């Protein structure tokens, strides 16, 4: 019986070790969070770029994401540039669409658009009234139209 026990114990131990070798590796929760954090940082960089691009177009600045180097990190530069170009292009397309507006009306619209994009990106509520006094009151309808377009992503 003693010999039989000596043969069975190593066999049982080898089965336990064999099953352990085939188990999937444990997922490190901090690694998963880091990957998610990276994507969230890219989303935020894209949204920041989009708002900056729309604001640059509204102010008549050239299409130059490099002028905003302090708004992105090396790891999020590509996402920021893509967002910037999209925001600038959307604002330019909206500007071509509304070519019948005066320069002041267009500027109020573009400022409202940039503010709406920024508020949406920052998770703030849809509240264009907080910008009262930052634009000519006679141009409020153009500012409000732009704000709502920007906030809704149109």
C-alpha atoms as a PDB file:
ATOM      1  CA  UNK A   1       0.000   0.000   0.000  1.00  0.00           C
ATOM      2  CA  UNK A   2       2.844   2.310   0.717  1.00  0.00           C
ATOM      3  CA  UNK A   3       4.216   1.802  -2.797  1.00  0.00           C
ATOM      4  CA  UNK A   4       0.830   2.476  -4.298  1.00  0.00           C
ATOM      5  CA  UNK A   5       0.562   5.753  -2.382  1.00  0.00           C
ATOM      6  CA  UNK A   6       3.993   6.779  -3.659  1.00  0.00           C
ATOM      7  CA  UNK A   7       2.803   6.254  -7.228  1.00  0.00           C
ATOM      8  CA  UNK A   8      -0.564   7.994  -6.839  1.00  0.00           C
ATOM      9  CA  UNK A   9       0.645  11.154  -5.095  1.00  0.00           C
ATOM     10  CA  UNK A  10       3.015  12.286  -7.898  1.00  0.00           C
ATOM     11  CA  UNK A  11       0.326  11.459 -10.456  1.00  0.00           C
ATOM     12  CA  UNK A  12      -2.229  13.594  -8.613  1.00  0.00           C
ATOM     13  CA  UNK A  13       0.240  16.467  -8.243  1.00  0.00           C
ATOM     14  CA  UNK A  14       1.106  16.378 -11.942  1.00  0.00           C
ATOM     15  CA  UNK A  15      -2.597  16.718 -12.791  1.00  0.00           C
ATOM     16  CA  UNK A  16      -2.908  19.814 -10.594  1.00  0.00           C
ATOM     17  CA  UNK A  17       0.147  21.428 -12.182  1.00  0.00           C
ATOM     18  CA  UNK A  18      -1.066  20.510 -15.685  1.00  0.00           C
ATOM     19  CA  UNK A  19      -4.430  22.203 -15.116  1.00  0.00           C
ATOM     20  CA  UNK A  20      -2.698  25.329 -13.825  1.00  0.00           C
ATOM     21  CA  UNK A  21      -0.614  25.605 -16.971  1.00  0.00           C
ATOM     22  CA  UNK A  22      -3.740  25.678 -19.139  1.00  0.00           C
ATOM     23  CA  UNK A  23      -5.635  28.329 -17.185  1.00  0.00           C
ATOM     24  CA  UNK A  24      -5.920  31.691 -18.923  1.00  0.00           C
ATOM     25  CA  UNK A  25      -3.662  34.335 -17.419  1.00  0.00           C
ATOM     26  CA  UNK A  26      -5.262  36.509 -14.813  1.00  0.00           C
ATOM     27  CA  UNK A  27      -6.133  40.007 -16.022  1.00  0.00           C
ATOM     28  CA  UNK A  28      -4.426  42.715 -14.058  1.00  0.00           C
ATOM     29  CA  UNK A  29      -7.174  45.254 -13.277  1.00  0.00           C
ATOM     30  CA  UNK A  30      -4.704  48.138 -13.320  1.00  0.00           C
ATOM     31  CA  UNK A  31      -3.664  47.237 -16.882  1.00  0.00           C
ATOM     32  CA  UNK A  32      -7.280  47.241 -18.020  1.00  0.00           C
ATOM     33  CA  UNK A  33      -7.828  50.627 -16.389  1.00  0.00           C
ATOM     34  CA  UNK A  34      -4.689  52.004 -18.068  1.00  0.00           C
ATOM     35  CA  UNK A  35      -5.945  50.901 -21.491  1.00  0.00           C
ATOM     36  CA  UNK A  36      -9.342  52.476 -20.819  1.00  0.00           C
ATOM     37  CA  UNK A  37      -7.648  55.619 -19.530  1.00  0.00           C
ATOM     38  CA  UNK A  38      -5.659  55.858 -22.760  1.00  0.00           C
ATOM     39  CA  UNK A  39      -8.802  55.734 -24.882  1.00  0.00           C
ATOM     40  CA  UNK A  40     -10.512  58.272 -22.655  1.00  0.00           C
ATOM     41  CA  UNK A  41      -7.528  60.587 -22.992  1.00  0.00           C
ATOM     42  CA  UNK A  42      -7.729  60.236 -26.780  1.00  0.00           C
ATOM     43  CA  UNK A  43     -11.459  61.001 -26.760  1.00  0.00           C
ATOM     44  CA  UNK A  44     -10.850  64.070 -24.638  1.00  0.00           C
ATOM     45  CA  UNK A  45      -7.980  65.210 -26.869  1.00  0.00           C
ATOM     46  CA  UNK A  46     -10.201  64.794 -29.943  1.00  0.00           C
ATOM     47  CA  UNK A  47     -12.984  66.847 -28.344  1.00  0.00           C
ATOM     48  CA  UNK A  48     -10.501  69.525 -27.242  1.00  0.00           C
ATOM     49  CA  UNK A  49      -9.116  69.695 -30.766  1.00  0.00           C
ATOM     50  CA  UNK A  50     -12.593  69.928 -32.248  1.00  0.00           C
ATOM     51  CA  UNK A  51     -13.503  72.874 -30.014  1.00  0.00           C
ATOM     52  CA  UNK A  52     -10.181  74.615 -30.685  1.00  0.00           C
ATOM     53  CA  UNK A  53     -10.539  74.124 -34.440  1.00  0.00           C
ATOM     54  CA  UNK A  54     -14.028  75.616 -34.449  1.00  0.00           C
ATOM     55  CA  UNK A  55     -12.855  78.519 -32.286  1.00  0.00           C
ATOM     56  CA  UNK A  56      -9.867  79.188 -34.557  1.00  0.00           C
ATOM     57  CA  UNK A  57     -12.105  79.292 -37.600  1.00  0.00           C
ATOM     58  CA  UNK A  58     -14.516  81.592 -35.776  1.00  0.00           C
ATOM     59  CA  UNK A  59     -11.727  84.007 -34.896  1.00  0.00           C
ATOM     60  CA  UNK A  60     -10.263  83.924 -38.401  1.00  0.00           C
ATOM     61  CA  UNK A  61      -7.089  82.136 -37.324  1.00  0.00           C
ATOM     62  CA  UNK A  62      -5.370  79.845 -39.811  1.00  0.00           C
ATOM     63  CA  UNK A  63      -5.853  76.086 -39.645  1.00  0.00           C
ATOM     64  CA  UNK A  64      -2.923  75.308 -37.344  1.00  0.00           C
ATOM     65  CA  UNK A  65      -3.308  72.666 -34.625  1.00  0.00           C
ATOM     66  CA  UNK A  66       0.402  73.035 -33.831  1.00  0.00           C
ATOM     67  CA  UNK A  67      -0.331  76.459 -32.340  1.00  0.00           C
ATOM     68  CA  UNK A  68      -2.122  74.679 -29.475  1.00  0.00           C
ATOM     69  CA  UNK A  69       0.751  72.423 -28.335  1.00  0.00           C
ATOM     70  CA  UNK A  70      -0.127  72.973 -24.688  1.00  0.00           C
ATOM     71  CA  UNK A  71      -3.572  71.411 -25.243  1.00  0.00           C
ATOM     72  CA  UNK A  72      -2.347  67.868 -25.935  1.00  0.00           C
ATOM     73  CA  UNK A  73       0.296  65.392 -24.830  1.00  0.00           C
ATOM     74  CA  UNK A  74       2.621  63.446 -27.110  1.00  0.00           C
ATOM     75  CA  UNK A  75       0.445  60.326 -26.799  1.00  0.00           C
ATOM     76  CA  UNK A  76      -2.746  62.156 -27.757  1.00  0.00           C
ATOM     77  CA  UNK A  77      -1.401  64.452 -30.480  1.00  0.00           C
ATOM     78  CA  UNK A  78      -2.900  62.445 -33.358  1.00  0.00           C
ATOM     79  CA  UNK A  79      -6.373  62.392 -31.793  1.00  0.00           C
ATOM     80  CA  UNK A  80      -6.132  66.122 -31.061  1.00  0.00           C
ATOM     81  CA  UNK A  81      -5.085  66.918 -34.658  1.00  0.00           C
ATOM     82  CA  UNK A  82      -7.936  64.833 -36.073  1.00  0.00           C
ATOM     83  CA  UNK A  83     -10.439  66.599 -33.813  1.00  0.00           C
ATOM     84  CA  UNK A  84      -8.963  70.001 -34.612  1.00  0.00           C
ATOM     85  CA  UNK A  85      -9.230  69.437 -38.350  1.00  0.00           C
ATOM     86  CA  UNK A  86     -12.776  68.141 -38.027  1.00  0.00           C
ATOM     87  CA  UNK A  87     -13.848  71.128 -35.913  1.00  0.00           C
ATOM     88  CA  UNK A  88     -12.197  73.587 -38.273  1.00  0.00           C
ATOM     89  CA  UNK A  89     -13.715  71.905 -41.346  1.00  0.00           C
ATOM     90  CA  UNK A  90     -17.203  71.745 -39.818  1.00  0.00           C
ATOM     91  CA  UNK A  91     -17.050  75.418 -38.909  1.00  0.00           C
ATOM     92  CA  UNK A  92     -15.810  76.288 -42.405  1.00  0.00           C
ATOM     93  CA  UNK A  93     -18.612  74.248 -43.990  1.00  0.00           C
ATOM     94  CA  UNK A  94     -21.151  75.999 -41.796  1.00  0.00           C
ATOM     95  CA  UNK A  95     -19.599  79.294 -42.850  1.00  0.00           C
ATOM     96  CA  UNK A  96     -19.957  78.454 -46.547  1.00  0.00           C
ATOM     97  CA  UNK A  97     -23.523  77.328 -45.956  1.00  0.00           C
ATOM     98  CA  UNK A  98     -24.408  80.649 -44.387  1.00  0.00           C
ATOM     99  CA  UNK A  99     -22.557  82.945 -46.786  1.00  0.00           C
ATOM    100  CA  UNK A 100     -25.502  85.339 -46.803  1.00  0.00           C
ATOM    101  CA  UNK A 101     -24.758  86.388 -43.210  1.00  0.00           C
ATOM    102  CA  UNK A 102     -22.843  89.535 -42.465  1.00  0.00           C
ATOM    103  CA  UNK A 103     -19.373  89.178 -40.980  1.00  0.00           C
ATOM    104  CA  UNK A 104     -20.673  90.135 -37.516  1.00  0.00           C
ATOM    105  CA  UNK A 105     -23.541  87.640 -37.726  1.00  0.00           C
ATOM    106  CA  UNK A 106     -21.169  84.900 -38.872  1.00  0.00           C
ATOM    107  CA  UNK A 107     -18.726  85.673 -36.076  1.00  0.00           C
ATOM    108  CA  UNK A 108     -21.511  85.513 -33.476  1.00  0.00           C
ATOM    109  CA  UNK A 109     -22.650  82.183 -34.938  1.00  0.00           C
ATOM    110  CA  UNK A 110     -19.109  80.772 -34.924  1.00  0.00           C
ATOM    111  CA  UNK A 111     -18.454  81.929 -31.354  1.00  0.00           C
ATOM    112  CA  UNK A 112     -21.716  80.299 -30.285  1.00  0.00           C
ATOM    113  CA  UNK A 113     -20.780  77.106 -32.122  1.00  0.00           C
ATOM    114  CA  UNK A 114     -17.386  76.922 -30.392  1.00  0.00           C
ATOM    115  CA  UNK A 115     -18.992  77.573 -26.992  1.00  0.00           C
ATOM    116  CA  UNK A 116     -21.584  74.841 -27.620  1.00  0.00           C
ATOM    117  CA  UNK A 117     -18.948  72.296 -28.631  1.00  0.00           C
ATOM    118  CA  UNK A 118     -16.868  73.186 -25.575  1.00  0.00           C
ATOM    119  CA  UNK A 119     -19.837  72.883 -23.175  1.00  0.00           C
ATOM    120  CA  UNK A 120     -20.845  69.534 -24.641  1.00  0.00           C
ATOM    121  CA  UNK A 121     -17.267  68.244 -24.428  1.00  0.00           C
ATOM    122  CA  UNK A 122     -16.928  69.371 -20.804  1.00  0.00           C
ATOM    123  CA  UNK A 123     -20.210  67.664 -19.882  1.00  0.00           C
ATOM    124  CA  UNK A 124     -21.904  70.916 -19.000  1.00  0.00           C
ATOM    125  CA  UNK A 125     -25.593  71.417 -19.538  1.00  0.00           C
ATOM    126  CA  UNK A 126     -27.082  73.139 -22.555  1.00  0.00           C
ATOM    127  CA  UNK A 127     -26.991  76.708 -21.185  1.00  0.00           C
ATOM    128  CA  UNK A 128     -26.147  79.433 -23.700  1.00  0.00           C
ATOM    129  CA  UNK A 129     -27.459  82.108 -21.298  1.00  0.00           C
ATOM    130  CA  UNK A 130     -24.231  81.961 -19.306  1.00  0.00           C
ATOM    131  CA  UNK A 131     -22.519  83.632 -22.286  1.00  0.00           C
ATOM    132  CA  UNK A 132     -24.804  86.665 -22.236  1.00  0.00           C
ATOM    133  CA  UNK A 133     -22.691  89.774 -22.393  1.00  0.00           C
ATOM    134  CA  UNK A 134     -19.861  88.103 -24.303  1.00  0.00           C
ATOM    135  CA  UNK A 135     -21.417  88.990 -27.669  1.00  0.00           C
ATOM    136  CA  UNK A 136     -23.495  91.833 -29.088  1.00  0.00           C
ATOM    137  CA  UNK A 137     -27.090  91.411 -27.857  1.00  0.00           C
ATOM    138  CA  UNK A 138     -28.365  92.347 -31.327  1.00  0.00           C
ATOM    139  CA  UNK A 139     -26.668  89.200 -32.627  1.00  0.00           C
ATOM    140  CA  UNK A 140     -28.073  86.849 -29.991  1.00  0.00           C
ATOM    141  CA  UNK A 141     -30.150  84.767 -32.427  1.00  0.00           C
ATOM    142  CA  UNK A 142     -27.035  83.929 -34.472  1.00  0.00           C
ATOM    143  CA  UNK A 143     -25.042  83.141 -31.342  1.00  0.00           C
ATOM    144  CA  UNK A 144     -27.834  80.891 -30.035  1.00  0.00           C
ATOM    145  CA  UNK A 145     -28.185  79.083 -33.375  1.00  0.00           C
ATOM    146  CA  UNK A 146     -24.457  78.442 -33.432  1.00  0.00           C
ATOM    147  CA  UNK A 147     -24.407  77.362 -29.793  1.00  0.00           C
ATOM    148  CA  UNK A 148     -27.135  74.763 -30.275  1.00  0.00           C
ATOM    149  CA  UNK A 149     -25.542  73.451 -33.478  1.00  0.00           C
ATOM    150  CA  UNK A 150     -22.227  73.058 -31.669  1.00  0.00           C
ATOM    151  CA  UNK A 151     -23.751  71.502 -28.570  1.00  0.00           C
ATOM    152  CA  UNK A 152     -25.728  68.975 -30.627  1.00  0.00           C
ATOM    153  CA  UNK A 153     -22.792  68.229 -32.921  1.00  0.00           C
ATOM    154  CA  UNK A 154     -24.466  69.365 -36.146  1.00  0.00           C
END
